[in-house]
Amino acid sequence: MASLLFNGTYALAASAASTYVVTFQQATLVTENRGRYSGNQAVWEFTYKIKKQ
């Protein structure tokens, strides 16, 4: 089991998505909290792209 720590909240106006491709990244710190690897940490990076189809 891992715990996730999200750093930030993102908002996007609907008008921005209608004409542009919006890309943003979010780094998330993951800490293992059980078992053999308890206490180990990793950074996961999520990339989101929002565009009108």
N, C-alpha and C. Protein backbone atom coordinates (compact mmCIF):
# COMPACT_ATOMS: atom_id res chain seq x y z
N MET A 1 0.85 -1.18 0.00
CA MET A 1 0.00 0.00 0.00
C MET A 1 0.89 1.23 0.00
N ALA A 2 0.54 2.20 -0.79
CA ALA A 2 1.32 3.43 -0.87
C ALA A 2 0.41 4.61 -0.58
N SER A 3 0.99 5.65 -0.01
CA SER A 3 0.22 6.87 0.21
C SER A 3 0.67 7.91 -0.80
N LEU A 4 -0.27 8.70 -1.29
CA LEU A 4 0.01 9.71 -2.30
C LEU A 4 -0.14 11.10 -1.72
N LEU A 5 0.77 11.98 -2.07
CA LEU A 5 0.70 13.37 -1.64
C LEU A 5 0.63 14.23 -2.89
N PHE A 6 -0.51 14.84 -3.13
CA PHE A 6 -0.70 15.69 -4.30
C PHE A 6 -0.33 17.12 -3.94
N ASN A 7 0.41 17.77 -4.80
CA ASN A 7 0.85 19.13 -4.51
C ASN A 7 0.23 20.10 -5.50
N GLY A 8 -0.99 20.50 -5.23
CA GLY A 8 -1.58 21.52 -6.08
C GLY A 8 -2.98 21.19 -6.52
N THR A 9 -3.70 22.22 -6.88
CA THR A 9 -5.04 22.11 -7.42
C THR A 9 -5.05 22.90 -8.72
N TYR A 10 -5.68 22.35 -9.72
CA TYR A 10 -5.66 22.99 -11.03
C TYR A 10 -7.08 23.29 -11.48
N ALA A 11 -7.25 24.44 -12.12
CA ALA A 11 -8.55 24.82 -12.67
C ALA A 11 -8.33 25.28 -14.10
N LEU A 12 -9.29 25.03 -14.95
CA LEU A 12 -9.18 25.38 -16.36
C LEU A 12 -10.49 25.99 -16.82
N ALA A 13 -10.44 27.14 -17.43
CA ALA A 13 -11.64 27.77 -17.96
C ALA A 13 -12.09 27.03 -19.21
N ALA A 14 -13.38 26.87 -19.39
CA ALA A 14 -13.91 26.16 -20.55
C ALA A 14 -13.52 26.84 -21.85
N SER A 15 -13.43 28.15 -21.86
CA SER A 15 -13.08 28.86 -23.08
C SER A 15 -11.64 28.57 -23.50
N ALA A 16 -10.76 28.32 -22.56
CA ALA A 16 -9.36 28.01 -22.89
C ALA A 16 -9.26 26.66 -23.59
N ALA A 17 -10.08 25.71 -23.19
CA ALA A 17 -10.03 24.38 -23.78
C ALA A 17 -10.62 24.36 -25.19
N SER A 18 -11.41 25.36 -25.55
CA SER A 18 -12.07 25.34 -26.85
C SER A 18 -11.13 25.74 -27.99
N THR A 19 -10.04 26.43 -27.70
CA THR A 19 -9.18 26.90 -28.77
C THR A 19 -7.73 26.46 -28.64
N TYR A 20 -7.32 25.99 -27.49
CA TYR A 20 -5.92 25.66 -27.26
C TYR A 20 -5.77 24.23 -26.75
N VAL A 21 -4.57 23.71 -26.88
CA VAL A 21 -4.22 22.48 -26.19
C VAL A 21 -3.54 22.91 -24.89
N VAL A 22 -4.10 22.51 -23.78
CA VAL A 22 -3.56 22.89 -22.48
C VAL A 22 -2.82 21.69 -21.92
N THR A 23 -1.56 21.89 -21.54
CA THR A 23 -0.75 20.83 -20.97
C THR A 23 -0.22 21.29 -19.62
N PHE A 24 -0.34 20.43 -18.62
CA PHE A 24 0.30 20.74 -17.34
C PHE A 24 0.78 19.46 -16.70
N GLN A 25 1.78 19.59 -15.84
CA GLN A 25 2.37 18.45 -15.17
C GLN A 25 2.18 18.57 -13.67
N GLN A 26 2.10 17.41 -13.03
CA GLN A 26 1.93 17.38 -11.58
C GLN A 26 2.88 16.33 -11.03
N ALA A 27 3.74 16.72 -10.11
CA ALA A 27 4.63 15.79 -9.44
C ALA A 27 3.95 15.31 -8.16
N THR A 28 4.01 14.01 -7.91
CA THR A 28 3.36 13.42 -6.75
C THR A 28 4.37 12.59 -5.98
N LEU A 29 4.50 12.82 -4.70
CA LEU A 29 5.39 12.05 -3.85
C LEU A 29 4.65 10.82 -3.35
N VAL A 30 5.20 9.64 -3.60
CA VAL A 30 4.60 8.38 -3.18
C VAL A 30 5.50 7.77 -2.10
N THR A 31 4.92 7.45 -0.95
CA THR A 31 5.67 6.84 0.15
C THR A 31 5.07 5.47 0.45
N GLU A 32 5.90 4.45 0.40
CA GLU A 32 5.45 3.09 0.73
C GLU A 32 5.29 3.02 2.24
N ASN A 33 4.14 2.55 2.71
CA ASN A 33 3.89 2.57 4.14
C ASN A 33 3.65 1.19 4.75
N ARG A 34 3.89 0.14 3.99
CA ARG A 34 3.73 -1.21 4.53
C ARG A 34 4.74 -2.16 3.90
N GLY A 35 5.03 -3.21 4.61
CA GLY A 35 5.80 -4.29 4.04
C GLY A 35 7.30 -4.03 3.94
N ARG A 36 7.90 -4.80 3.09
CA ARG A 36 9.34 -4.83 2.93
C ARG A 36 9.95 -3.48 2.54
N TYR A 37 9.25 -2.73 1.75
CA TYR A 37 9.77 -1.46 1.22
C TYR A 37 9.23 -0.25 1.98
N SER A 38 8.71 -0.45 3.17
CA SER A 38 8.14 0.63 3.96
C SER A 38 9.16 1.75 4.17
N GLY A 39 8.72 2.97 3.96
CA GLY A 39 9.59 4.13 4.13
C GLY A 39 10.24 4.60 2.84
N ASN A 40 10.28 3.77 1.82
CA ASN A 40 10.85 4.19 0.53
C ASN A 40 9.93 5.21 -0.13
N GLN A 41 10.54 6.12 -0.87
CA GLN A 41 9.77 7.17 -1.55
C GLN A 41 10.12 7.21 -3.03
N ALA A 42 9.16 7.66 -3.81
CA ALA A 42 9.37 7.87 -5.24
C ALA A 42 8.55 9.08 -5.67
N VAL A 43 8.98 9.73 -6.73
CA VAL A 43 8.22 10.85 -7.29
C VAL A 43 7.62 10.37 -8.60
N TRP A 44 6.30 10.44 -8.68
CA TRP A 44 5.60 10.13 -9.92
C TRP A 44 5.25 11.44 -10.57
N GLU A 45 5.39 11.51 -11.89
CA GLU A 45 5.05 12.73 -12.61
C GLU A 45 3.92 12.43 -13.58
N PHE A 46 2.83 13.15 -13.44
CA PHE A 46 1.67 12.99 -14.30
C PHE A 46 1.62 14.17 -15.27
N THR A 47 1.38 13.90 -16.53
CA THR A 47 1.23 14.94 -17.54
C THR A 47 -0.18 14.86 -18.11
N TYR A 48 -0.89 15.97 -18.08
CA TYR A 48 -2.26 16.04 -18.58
C TYR A 48 -2.29 16.94 -19.81
N LYS A 49 -2.99 16.49 -20.84
CA LYS A 49 -3.23 17.31 -22.03
C LYS A 49 -4.73 17.41 -22.22
N ILE A 50 -5.20 18.62 -22.33
CA ILE A 50 -6.63 18.88 -22.51
C ILE A 50 -6.82 19.62 -23.81
N LYS A 51 -7.65 19.04 -24.69
CA LYS A 51 -7.90 19.70 -25.98
C LYS A 51 -9.32 19.38 -26.43
N LYS A 52 -9.84 20.23 -27.26
CA LYS A 52 -11.17 20.04 -27.82
C LYS A 52 -11.08 19.05 -28.97
N GLN A 53 -12.04 18.14 -29.05
CA GLN A 53 -12.05 17.18 -30.16
C GLN A 53 -13.00 17.59 -31.23
